[in-house]
Amino acid sequence: MFRLLPKHTKDRLESLLSNVGDMSLKRRARKIIEGTNPQKGERIVDLGCGTGYYLFLLSNLGIKFDLTGFDYDKRVIKEAEDLLSDKEIRFKIGDLHKIPFKNYEFDKAVMSEVLEHVENDKKVLQEIYKILKPNGILVISVPSISYPFLWDPINYILQHFFNTHIKSGFLSGLWSGHLRLYDKLDLKNKFEEAGFKIEKIEELTFWCLPFNHYLVNIVARLLYDVKISPRIADNLSKFKNTKKPLLINLAFKIVNSIDKLNEIFPQKHGVNIFIKARKVQK
């Protein structure tokens, strides 16, 4: 069952997402929060939380529940703690192949753009199964092997005509840091083998800017690798609700206009695969 968020929660989410210029992130973040559909008093964990963007969204919906962020990287956990220091969120460092939480500890788990990074994705899904309560919900997104040509033209051509791709560096595009991209059927089978029942599976974001992934990477490098003024960083940050300069506003309008094509002319393939799954008793 895929219940809709209440209107006031949906409006609050859209306000938070208005700071996001990456159309793929915005679309999958919206879908993940809608799929999680958090309820008062629930225990929710973000697995591979990174700097805490999904924790930021969840903690600003105006609903009281228990939030936990989990990641192997001490550096990003520290950054998440700093960014969300005004929130009651606990953080834990560890390995997804051996998750250090009790069995049946959480009502719901979120994991966005993480599974493609782990050595043994089947083992990780089994670990998540253990920590969820009976009928618990897992909501994830992963990169799709059926991504559109415009998103990453270089690797698209290499894959479809030469059965290869660029494995590292700036031109690795959608493959950057990833051990695999996913086929929808293969992913569905892995979930079912781990004991989950699929409630929703779909691919997101077909229409996009040419070389979209490289544009996103340039902005990310400006924010994390290059020293830019705090004002510019705030204008580009998805965490900050700032009044944006004319050029950034114009860029957002162009991106949002193109993204609307995903609603008007939906396609069956996209950049990401979204899954909402329920834990069933084996």
C-alpha atoms as a PDB file:
ATOM      1  CA  MET A   1       0.000   0.000   0.000  1.00  0.00           C
ATOM      2  CA  PHE A   2       1.400   3.411  -0.963  1.00  0.00           C
ATOM      3  CA  ARG A   3      -0.353   5.982   1.211  1.00  0.00           C
ATOM      4  CA  LEU A   4      -0.104   9.653   0.338  1.00  0.00           C
ATOM      5  CA  LEU A   5       1.372  12.153   2.768  1.00  0.00           C
ATOM      6  CA  PRO A   6      -1.150  14.490   4.432  1.00  0.00           C
ATOM      7  CA  LYS A   7      -1.395  17.799   2.558  1.00  0.00           C
ATOM      8  CA  HIS A   8       0.320  19.873   5.259  1.00  0.00           C
ATOM      9  CA  THR A   9       3.244  17.405   5.371  1.00  0.00           C
ATOM     10  CA  LYS A  10       3.448  17.333   1.572  1.00  0.00           C
ATOM     11  CA  ASP A  11       3.508  21.152   1.452  1.00  0.00           C
ATOM     12  CA  ARG A  12       6.292  21.259   4.028  1.00  0.00           C
ATOM     13  CA  LEU A  13       8.299  18.695   2.062  1.00  0.00           C
ATOM     14  CA  GLU A  14       7.925  20.671  -1.175  1.00  0.00           C
ATOM     15  CA  SER A  15       9.147  23.795   0.618  1.00  0.00           C
ATOM     16  CA  LEU A  16      12.265  21.931   1.789  1.00  0.00           C
ATOM     17  CA  LEU A  17      12.877  20.483  -1.683  1.00  0.00           C
ATOM     18  CA  SER A  18      12.665  23.925  -3.303  1.00  0.00           C
ATOM     19  CA  ASN A  19      16.344  24.393  -2.326  1.00  0.00           C
ATOM     20  CA  VAL A  20      17.440  21.450  -4.503  1.00  0.00           C
ATOM     21  CA  GLY A  21      18.772  22.109  -8.003  1.00  0.00           C
ATOM     22  CA  ASP A  22      19.582  18.466  -8.812  1.00  0.00           C
ATOM     23  CA  MET A  23      16.379  17.170 -10.449  1.00  0.00           C
ATOM     24  CA  SER A  24      17.271  13.526  -9.836  1.00  0.00           C
ATOM     25  CA  LEU A  25      17.910  14.109  -6.126  1.00  0.00           C
ATOM     26  CA  LYS A  26      14.716  16.130  -5.766  1.00  0.00           C
ATOM     27  CA  ARG A  27      12.601  13.450  -7.446  1.00  0.00           C
ATOM     28  CA  ARG A  28      14.049  10.522  -5.491  1.00  0.00           C
ATOM     29  CA  ALA A  29      14.011  12.448  -2.186  1.00  0.00           C
ATOM     30  CA  ARG A  30      10.330  13.230  -2.673  1.00  0.00           C
ATOM     31  CA  LYS A  31       9.596   9.587  -3.489  1.00  0.00           C
ATOM     32  CA  ILE A  32      11.596   8.274  -0.532  1.00  0.00           C
ATOM     33  CA  ILE A  33       9.897  10.548   2.013  1.00  0.00           C
ATOM     34  CA  GLU A  34       6.489   9.719   0.533  1.00  0.00           C
ATOM     35  CA  GLY A  35       7.357   6.018   0.626  1.00  0.00           C
ATOM     36  CA  THR A  36       8.549   6.243   4.222  1.00  0.00           C
ATOM     37  CA  ASN A  37       5.356   8.113   5.179  1.00  0.00           C
ATOM     38  CA  PRO A  38       6.625   8.672   8.747  1.00  0.00           C
ATOM     39  CA  GLN A  39       4.149   8.406  11.592  1.00  0.00           C
ATOM     40  CA  LYS A  40       4.315   9.800  15.121  1.00  0.00           C
ATOM     41  CA  GLY A  41       6.363   7.654  17.489  1.00  0.00           C
ATOM     42  CA  GLU A  42       8.064   5.498  14.860  1.00  0.00           C
ATOM     43  CA  ARG A  43      11.752   4.561  14.919  1.00  0.00           C
ATOM     44  CA  ILE A  44      13.400   5.308  11.578  1.00  0.00           C
ATOM     45  CA  VAL A  45      17.025   4.722  10.519  1.00  0.00           C
ATOM     46  CA  ASP A  46      18.871   6.233   7.550  1.00  0.00           C
ATOM     47  CA  LEU A  47      21.461   3.647   6.485  1.00  0.00           C
ATOM     48  CA  GLY A  48      24.436   5.224   4.741  1.00  0.00           C
ATOM     49  CA  CYS A  49      23.169   8.628   5.841  1.00  0.00           C
ATOM     50  CA  GLY A  50      26.193  10.600   4.602  1.00  0.00           C
ATOM     51  CA  THR A  51      25.898  14.251   5.628  1.00  0.00           C
ATOM     52  CA  GLY A  52      22.300  13.664   6.698  1.00  0.00           C
ATOM     53  CA  TYR A  53      20.082  15.111   3.973  1.00  0.00           C
ATOM     54  CA  TYR A  54      17.244  12.623   4.453  1.00  0.00           C
ATOM     55  CA  LEU A  55      17.509  13.081   8.216  1.00  0.00           C
ATOM     56  CA  PHE A  56      17.232  16.822   7.576  1.00  0.00           C
ATOM     57  CA  LEU A  57      14.059  16.335   5.520  1.00  0.00           C
ATOM     58  CA  LEU A  58      12.469  13.906   7.978  1.00  0.00           C
ATOM     59  CA  SER A  59      13.291  16.018  11.028  1.00  0.00           C
ATOM     60  CA  ASN A  60      11.696  19.116   9.474  1.00  0.00           C
ATOM     61  CA  LEU A  61       8.318  17.592   8.604  1.00  0.00           C
ATOM     62  CA  GLY A  62       6.786  18.583  11.947  1.00  0.00           C
ATOM     63  CA  ILE A  63       6.244  14.981  13.107  1.00  0.00           C
ATOM     64  CA  LYS A  64       7.689  13.606  16.359  1.00  0.00           C
ATOM     65  CA  PHE A  65       9.550  10.326  15.845  1.00  0.00           C
ATOM     66  CA  ASP A  66      12.897   8.727  16.686  1.00  0.00           C
ATOM     67  CA  LEU A  67      15.645   9.221  14.073  1.00  0.00           C
ATOM     68  CA  THR A  68      19.003   7.458  13.710  1.00  0.00           C
ATOM     69  CA  GLY A  69      21.752   8.085  11.168  1.00  0.00           C
ATOM     70  CA  PHE A  70      24.229   5.311  10.322  1.00  0.00           C
ATOM     71  CA  ASP A  71      27.385   5.464   8.175  1.00  0.00           C
ATOM     72  CA  TYR A  72      30.881   3.962   8.059  1.00  0.00           C
ATOM     73  CA  ASP A  73      32.583   7.338   7.436  1.00  0.00           C
ATOM     74  CA  LYS A  74      33.446   9.290  10.597  1.00  0.00           C
ATOM     75  CA  ARG A  75      34.013  12.458   8.572  1.00  0.00           C
ATOM     76  CA  VAL A  76      30.516  12.613   7.093  1.00  0.00           C
ATOM     77  CA  ILE A  77      28.935  11.611  10.408  1.00  0.00           C
ATOM     78  CA  LYS A  78      30.697  14.577  12.042  1.00  0.00           C
ATOM     79  CA  GLU A  79      29.417  16.861   9.273  1.00  0.00           C
ATOM     80  CA  ALA A  80      25.880  15.514   9.720  1.00  0.00           C
ATOM     81  CA  GLU A  81      26.084  16.078  13.477  1.00  0.00           C
ATOM     82  CA  ASP A  82      27.168  19.685  12.884  1.00  0.00           C
ATOM     83  CA  LEU A  83      24.481  20.373  10.262  1.00  0.00           C
ATOM     84  CA  LEU A  84      21.740  18.836  12.420  1.00  0.00           C
ATOM     85  CA  SER A  85      22.999  19.879  15.853  1.00  0.00           C
ATOM     86  CA  ASP A  86      19.626  21.441  16.698  1.00  0.00           C
ATOM     87  CA  LYS A  87      17.807  18.121  16.121  1.00  0.00           C
ATOM     88  CA  GLU A  88      17.390  15.113  18.416  1.00  0.00           C
ATOM     89  CA  ILE A  89      19.066  12.564  16.154  1.00  0.00           C
ATOM     90  CA  ARG A  90      21.436   9.830  17.258  1.00  0.00           C
ATOM     91  CA  PHE A  91      24.327   8.786  15.026  1.00  0.00           C
ATOM     92  CA  LYS A  92      26.266   5.543  14.866  1.00  0.00           C
ATOM     93  CA  ILE A  93      29.342   4.491  12.886  1.00  0.00           C
ATOM     94  CA  GLY A  94      29.627   0.977  11.496  1.00  0.00           C
ATOM     95  CA  ASP A  95      29.582  -1.471   8.596  1.00  0.00           C
ATOM     96  CA  LEU A  96      26.408  -2.278   6.654  1.00  0.00           C
ATOM     97  CA  HIS A  97      27.609  -5.878   6.277  1.00  0.00           C
ATOM     98  CA  LYS A  98      27.314  -6.260  10.060  1.00  0.00           C
ATOM     99  CA  ILE A  99      24.825  -3.654  11.278  1.00  0.00           C
ATOM    100  CA  PRO A 100      25.295  -3.066  15.044  1.00  0.00           C
ATOM    101  CA  PHE A 101      21.629  -2.638  15.988  1.00  0.00           C
ATOM    102  CA  LYS A 102      19.305  -5.038  17.785  1.00  0.00           C
ATOM    103  CA  ASN A 103      16.935  -7.294  15.889  1.00  0.00           C
ATOM    104  CA  TYR A 104      13.480  -5.735  15.386  1.00  0.00           C
ATOM    105  CA  GLU A 105      14.727  -2.275  16.459  1.00  0.00           C
ATOM    106  CA  PHE A 106      13.238  -0.092  13.700  1.00  0.00           C
ATOM    107  CA  ASP A 107       9.834   0.460  12.118  1.00  0.00           C
ATOM    108  CA  LYS A 108      11.311   1.814   8.893  1.00  0.00           C
ATOM    109  CA  ALA A 109      14.663   2.129   7.133  1.00  0.00           C
ATOM    110  CA  VAL A 110      15.800   4.524   4.407  1.00  0.00           C
ATOM    111  CA  MET A 111      18.794   3.856   2.154  1.00  0.00           C
ATOM    112  CA  SER A 112      19.370   6.157  -0.816  1.00  0.00           C
ATOM    113  CA  GLU A 113      22.161   5.640  -3.375  1.00  0.00           C
ATOM    114  CA  VAL A 114      24.106   3.323  -1.058  1.00  0.00           C
ATOM    115  CA  LEU A 115      23.546  -0.319  -2.083  1.00  0.00           C
ATOM    116  CA  GLU A 116      25.606   0.124  -5.264  1.00  0.00           C
ATOM    117  CA  HIS A 117      28.675   0.943  -3.135  1.00  0.00           C
ATOM    118  CA  VAL A 118      28.752  -2.193  -0.956  1.00  0.00           C
ATOM    119  CA  GLU A 119      30.697  -5.375  -1.722  1.00  0.00           C
ATOM    120  CA  ASN A 120      27.873  -7.800  -0.898  1.00  0.00           C
ATOM    121  CA  ASP A 121      24.459  -6.267  -1.491  1.00  0.00           C
ATOM    122  CA  LYS A 122      22.610  -9.514  -0.661  1.00  0.00           C
ATOM    123  CA  LYS A 123      24.275  -9.648   2.772  1.00  0.00           C
ATOM    124  CA  VAL A 124      23.380  -6.003   3.437  1.00  0.00           C
ATOM    125  CA  LEU A 125      19.702  -6.630   2.613  1.00  0.00           C
ATOM    126  CA  GLN A 126      19.725  -9.601   5.003  1.00  0.00           C
ATOM    127  CA  GLU A 127      21.185  -7.388   7.747  1.00  0.00           C
ATOM    128  CA  ILE A 128      18.496  -4.745   7.183  1.00  0.00           C
ATOM    129  CA  TYR A 129      15.824  -7.445   7.351  1.00  0.00           C
ATOM    130  CA  LYS A 130      17.038  -8.385  10.861  1.00  0.00           C
ATOM    131  CA  ILE A 131      16.826  -4.884  12.345  1.00  0.00           C
ATOM    132  CA  LEU A 132      13.312  -4.163  11.057  1.00  0.00           C
ATOM    133  CA  LYS A 133      10.236  -5.011  13.075  1.00  0.00           C
ATOM    134  CA  PRO A 134       7.689  -7.460  11.605  1.00  0.00           C
ATOM    135  CA  ASN A 135       5.982  -5.704   8.667  1.00  0.00           C
ATOM    136  CA  GLY A 136       8.719  -3.047   8.794  1.00  0.00           C
ATOM    137  CA  ILE A 137       9.323  -0.903   5.722  1.00  0.00           C
ATOM    138  CA  LEU A 138      12.524  -0.459   3.695  1.00  0.00           C
ATOM    139  CA  VAL A 139      12.624   2.400   1.183  1.00  0.00           C
ATOM    140  CA  ILE A 140      15.622   2.727  -1.133  1.00  0.00           C
ATOM    141  CA  SER A 141      16.915   4.208  -4.357  1.00  0.00           C
ATOM    142  CA  VAL A 142      19.794   2.960  -6.507  1.00  0.00           C
ATOM    143  CA  PRO A 143      21.226   4.013  -9.896  1.00  0.00           C
ATOM    144  CA  SER A 144      19.639   2.253 -12.869  1.00  0.00           C
ATOM    145  CA  ILE A 145      21.542   0.473 -15.633  1.00  0.00           C
ATOM    146  CA  SER A 146      18.782   1.796 -17.946  1.00  0.00           C
ATOM    147  CA  TYR A 147      19.650   5.457 -17.354  1.00  0.00           C
ATOM    148  CA  PRO A 148      18.841   7.892 -20.200  1.00  0.00           C
ATOM    149  CA  PHE A 149      21.420   8.877 -22.811  1.00  0.00           C
ATOM    150  CA  LEU A 150      21.369  12.575 -21.891  1.00  0.00           C
ATOM    151  CA  TRP A 151      22.247  11.932 -18.246  1.00  0.00           C
ATOM    152  CA  ASP A 152      25.673  10.453 -19.014  1.00  0.00           C
ATOM    153  CA  PRO A 153      26.245  10.294 -22.811  1.00  0.00           C
ATOM    154  CA  ILE A 154      29.870   9.149 -22.620  1.00  0.00           C
ATOM    155  CA  ASN A 155      29.236   6.037 -20.528  1.00  0.00           C
ATOM    156  CA  TYR A 156      25.948   5.356 -22.309  1.00  0.00           C
ATOM    157  CA  ILE A 157      27.798   5.049 -25.627  1.00  0.00           C
ATOM    158  CA  LEU A 158      30.613   2.992 -24.075  1.00  0.00           C
ATOM    159  CA  GLN A 159      28.123   0.597 -22.443  1.00  0.00           C
ATOM    160  CA  HIS A 160      25.781   0.128 -25.379  1.00  0.00           C
ATOM    161  CA  PHE A 161      28.373  -0.128 -28.155  1.00  0.00           C
ATOM    162  CA  PHE A 162      31.558  -1.353 -26.446  1.00  0.00           C
ATOM    163  CA  ASN A 163      30.271  -3.126 -23.305  1.00  0.00           C
ATOM    164  CA  THR A 164      32.486  -1.059 -21.008  1.00  0.00           C
ATOM    165  CA  HIS A 165      32.449   2.165 -18.977  1.00  0.00           C
ATOM    166  CA  ILE A 166      34.834   4.651 -17.351  1.00  0.00           C
ATOM    167  CA  LYS A 167      35.490   3.320 -13.854  1.00  0.00           C
ATOM    168  CA  SER A 168      36.993   6.324 -12.056  1.00  0.00           C
ATOM    169  CA  GLY A 169      37.670  10.028 -12.314  1.00  0.00           C
ATOM    170  CA  PHE A 170      35.430  12.891 -13.366  1.00  0.00           C
ATOM    171  CA  LEU A 171      34.337  11.212 -16.620  1.00  0.00           C
ATOM    172  CA  SER A 172      33.143   8.101 -14.772  1.00  0.00           C
ATOM    173  CA  GLY A 173      29.856   9.977 -14.443  1.00  0.00           C
ATOM    174  CA  LEU A 174      27.038   7.795 -13.118  1.00  0.00           C
ATOM    175  CA  TRP A 175      29.542   5.006 -12.415  1.00  0.00           C
ATOM    176  CA  SER A 176      31.599   7.186 -10.041  1.00  0.00           C
ATOM    177  CA  GLY A 177      32.381   5.138  -6.929  1.00  0.00           C
ATOM    178  CA  HIS A 178      29.820   2.475  -7.867  1.00  0.00           C
ATOM    179  CA  LEU A 179      30.491  -1.256  -7.977  1.00  0.00           C
ATOM    180  CA  ARG A 180      27.348  -1.839 -10.025  1.00  0.00           C
ATOM    181  CA  LEU A 181      24.257  -0.257 -11.527  1.00  0.00           C
ATOM    182  CA  TYR A 182      20.969  -2.118 -11.158  1.00  0.00           C
ATOM    183  CA  ASP A 183      18.467  -3.823 -13.381  1.00  0.00           C
ATOM    184  CA  LYS A 184      14.935  -3.584 -11.983  1.00  0.00           C
ATOM    185  CA  LEU A 185      14.192  -7.319 -12.179  1.00  0.00           C
ATOM    186  CA  ASP A 186      17.539  -8.319 -10.646  1.00  0.00           C
ATOM    187  CA  LEU A 187      17.005  -5.882  -7.779  1.00  0.00           C
ATOM    188  CA  LYS A 188      13.478  -7.175  -7.178  1.00  0.00           C
ATOM    189  CA  ASN A 189      14.797 -10.741  -6.966  1.00  0.00           C
ATOM    190  CA  LYS A 190      17.460  -9.752  -4.417  1.00  0.00           C
ATOM    191  CA  PHE A 191      14.848  -8.107  -2.208  1.00  0.00           C
ATOM    192  CA  GLU A 192      12.576 -11.135  -2.346  1.00  0.00           C
ATOM    193  CA  GLU A 193      15.470 -13.516  -1.563  1.00  0.00           C
ATOM    194  CA  ALA A 194      16.201 -11.431   1.554  1.00  0.00           C
ATOM    195  CA  GLY A 195      12.584 -11.793   2.736  1.00  0.00           C
ATOM    196  CA  PHE A 196      10.970  -8.582   1.514  1.00  0.00           C
ATOM    197  CA  LYS A 197       7.716  -8.148  -0.358  1.00  0.00           C
ATOM    198  CA  ILE A 198       7.873  -5.401  -2.995  1.00  0.00           C
ATOM    199  CA  GLU A 199       5.078  -2.855  -2.607  1.00  0.00           C
ATOM    200  CA  LYS A 200       6.319  -0.372  -5.207  1.00  0.00           C
ATOM    201  CA  ILE A 201       9.115  -0.383  -7.766  1.00  0.00           C
ATOM    202  CA  GLU A 202       9.676   2.216 -10.467  1.00  0.00           C
ATOM    203  CA  GLU A 203      12.386   4.126 -12.307  1.00  0.00           C
ATOM    204  CA  LEU A 204      12.700   7.880 -11.827  1.00  0.00           C
ATOM    205  CA  THR A 205      13.916  10.835 -13.945  1.00  0.00           C
ATOM    206  CA  PHE A 206      14.180  10.216 -17.676  1.00  0.00           C
ATOM    207  CA  TRP A 207      14.060  13.806 -18.979  1.00  0.00           C
ATOM    208  CA  CYS A 208      17.106  15.830 -17.948  1.00  0.00           C
ATOM    209  CA  LEU A 209      19.751  18.294 -19.093  1.00  0.00           C
ATOM    210  CA  PRO A 210      22.478  17.025 -21.444  1.00  0.00           C
ATOM    211  CA  PHE A 211      25.482  15.767 -19.431  1.00  0.00           C
ATOM    212  CA  ASN A 212      23.365  16.237 -16.306  1.00  0.00           C
ATOM    213  CA  HIS A 213      25.535  14.018 -14.092  1.00  0.00           C
ATOM    214  CA  TYR A 214      28.658  16.037 -14.876  1.00  0.00           C
ATOM    215  CA  LEU A 215      26.871  19.305 -14.043  1.00  0.00           C
ATOM    216  CA  VAL A 216      25.821  17.864 -10.674  1.00  0.00           C
ATOM    217  CA  ASN A 217      29.408  16.739  -9.997  1.00  0.00           C
ATOM    218  CA  ILE A 218      30.762  20.215 -10.770  1.00  0.00           C
ATOM    219  CA  VAL A 219      28.432  21.780  -8.184  1.00  0.00           C
ATOM    220  CA  ALA A 220      29.362  19.093  -5.637  1.00  0.00           C
ATOM    221  CA  ARG A 221      33.062  19.784  -6.167  1.00  0.00           C
ATOM    222  CA  LEU A 222      32.501  23.514  -5.754  1.00  0.00           C
ATOM    223  CA  LEU A 223      30.823  22.843  -2.406  1.00  0.00           C
ATOM    224  CA  TYR A 224      33.262  20.282  -1.003  1.00  0.00           C
ATOM    225  CA  ASP A 225      36.604  20.561  -2.804  1.00  0.00           C
ATOM    226  CA  VAL A 226      36.958  24.247  -3.704  1.00  0.00           C
ATOM    227  CA  LYS A 227      37.072  27.203  -1.332  1.00  0.00           C
ATOM    228  CA  ILE A 228      34.144  29.433  -2.282  1.00  0.00           C
ATOM    229  CA  SER A 229      32.544  32.228  -0.302  1.00  0.00           C
ATOM    230  CA  PRO A 230      30.083  31.169   2.448  1.00  0.00           C
ATOM    231  CA  ARG A 231      27.346  33.150   0.699  1.00  0.00           C
ATOM    232  CA  ILE A 232      27.744  31.222  -2.570  1.00  0.00           C
ATOM    233  CA  ALA A 233      27.972  27.945  -0.640  1.00  0.00           C
ATOM    234  CA  ASP A 234      24.700  28.746   1.153  1.00  0.00           C
ATOM    235  CA  ASN A 235      23.016  29.586  -2.157  1.00  0.00           C
ATOM    236  CA  LEU A 236      24.051  26.209  -3.588  1.00  0.00           C
ATOM    237  CA  SER A 237      23.373  24.168  -0.442  1.00  0.00           C
ATOM    238  CA  LYS A 238      20.304  21.913  -0.317  1.00  0.00           C
ATOM    239  CA  PHE A 239      20.242  22.410   3.460  1.00  0.00           C
ATOM    240  CA  LYS A 240      19.883  26.211   3.353  1.00  0.00           C
ATOM    241  CA  ASN A 241      16.707  28.139   2.555  1.00  0.00           C
ATOM    242  CA  THR A 242      18.331  31.337   1.290  1.00  0.00           C
ATOM    243  CA  LYS A 243      17.200  34.003  -1.139  1.00  0.00           C
ATOM    244  CA  LYS A 244      19.024  33.040  -4.300  1.00  0.00           C
ATOM    245  CA  PRO A 245      20.672  35.448  -6.789  1.00  0.00           C
ATOM    246  CA  LEU A 246      19.110  35.996 -10.205  1.00  0.00           C
ATOM    247  CA  LEU A 247      21.412  33.585 -12.083  1.00  0.00           C
ATOM    248  CA  ILE A 248      20.863  30.725  -9.631  1.00  0.00           C
ATOM    249  CA  ASN A 249      17.108  31.359  -9.679  1.00  0.00           C
ATOM    250  CA  LEU A 250      17.189  31.236 -13.478  1.00  0.00           C
ATOM    251  CA  ALA A 251      19.126  27.952 -13.414  1.00  0.00           C
ATOM    252  CA  PHE A 252      16.578  26.471 -10.980  1.00  0.00           C
ATOM    253  CA  LYS A 253      13.700  27.536 -13.249  1.00  0.00           C
ATOM    254  CA  ILE A 254      15.319  25.894 -16.285  1.00  0.00           C
ATOM    255  CA  VAL A 255      15.945  22.661 -14.373  1.00  0.00           C
ATOM    256  CA  ASN A 256      12.415  22.616 -12.929  1.00  0.00           C
ATOM    257  CA  SER A 257      10.901  23.238 -16.373  1.00  0.00           C
ATOM    258  CA  ILE A 258      12.769  20.275 -17.841  1.00  0.00           C
ATOM    259  CA  ASP A 259      11.880  18.114 -14.838  1.00  0.00           C
ATOM    260  CA  LYS A 260       8.160  18.745 -15.456  1.00  0.00           C
ATOM    261  CA  LEU A 261       8.528  16.665 -18.625  1.00  0.00           C
ATOM    262  CA  ASN A 262       8.898  13.651 -16.322  1.00  0.00           C
ATOM    263  CA  GLU A 263       5.307  14.265 -15.209  1.00  0.00           C
ATOM    264  CA  ILE A 264       3.895  15.208 -18.620  1.00  0.00           C
ATOM    265  CA  PHE A 265       5.660  12.481 -20.645  1.00  0.00           C
ATOM    266  CA  PRO A 266       6.616   9.735 -18.153  1.00  0.00           C
ATOM    267  CA  GLN A 267       8.926   6.963 -19.396  1.00  0.00           C
ATOM    268  CA  LYS A 268       9.478   3.474 -17.999  1.00  0.00           C
ATOM    269  CA  HIS A 269      13.250   3.945 -17.610  1.00  0.00           C
ATOM    270  CA  GLY A 270      15.187   6.547 -15.630  1.00  0.00           C
ATOM    271  CA  VAL A 271      18.304   7.497 -13.696  1.00  0.00           C
ATOM    272  CA  ASN A 272      17.243   5.813 -10.453  1.00  0.00           C
ATOM    273  CA  ILE A 273      15.238   2.798  -9.331  1.00  0.00           C
ATOM    274  CA  PHE A 274      12.944   3.379  -6.352  1.00  0.00           C
ATOM    275  CA  ILE A 275      11.723   0.485  -4.196  1.00  0.00           C
ATOM    276  CA  LYS A 276       9.364   0.361  -1.251  1.00  0.00           C
ATOM    277  CA  ALA A 277       9.400  -3.083   0.371  1.00  0.00           C
ATOM    278  CA  ARG A 278       7.849  -4.687   3.443  1.00  0.00           C
ATOM    279  CA  LYS A 279       9.458  -7.266   5.727  1.00  0.00           C
ATOM    280  CA  VAL A 280       7.472 -10.499   5.691  1.00  0.00           C
ATOM    281  CA  GLN A 281       7.994 -13.472   7.975  1.00  0.00           C
ATOM    282  CA  LYS A 282      10.059 -16.239   6.369  1.00  0.00           C
END
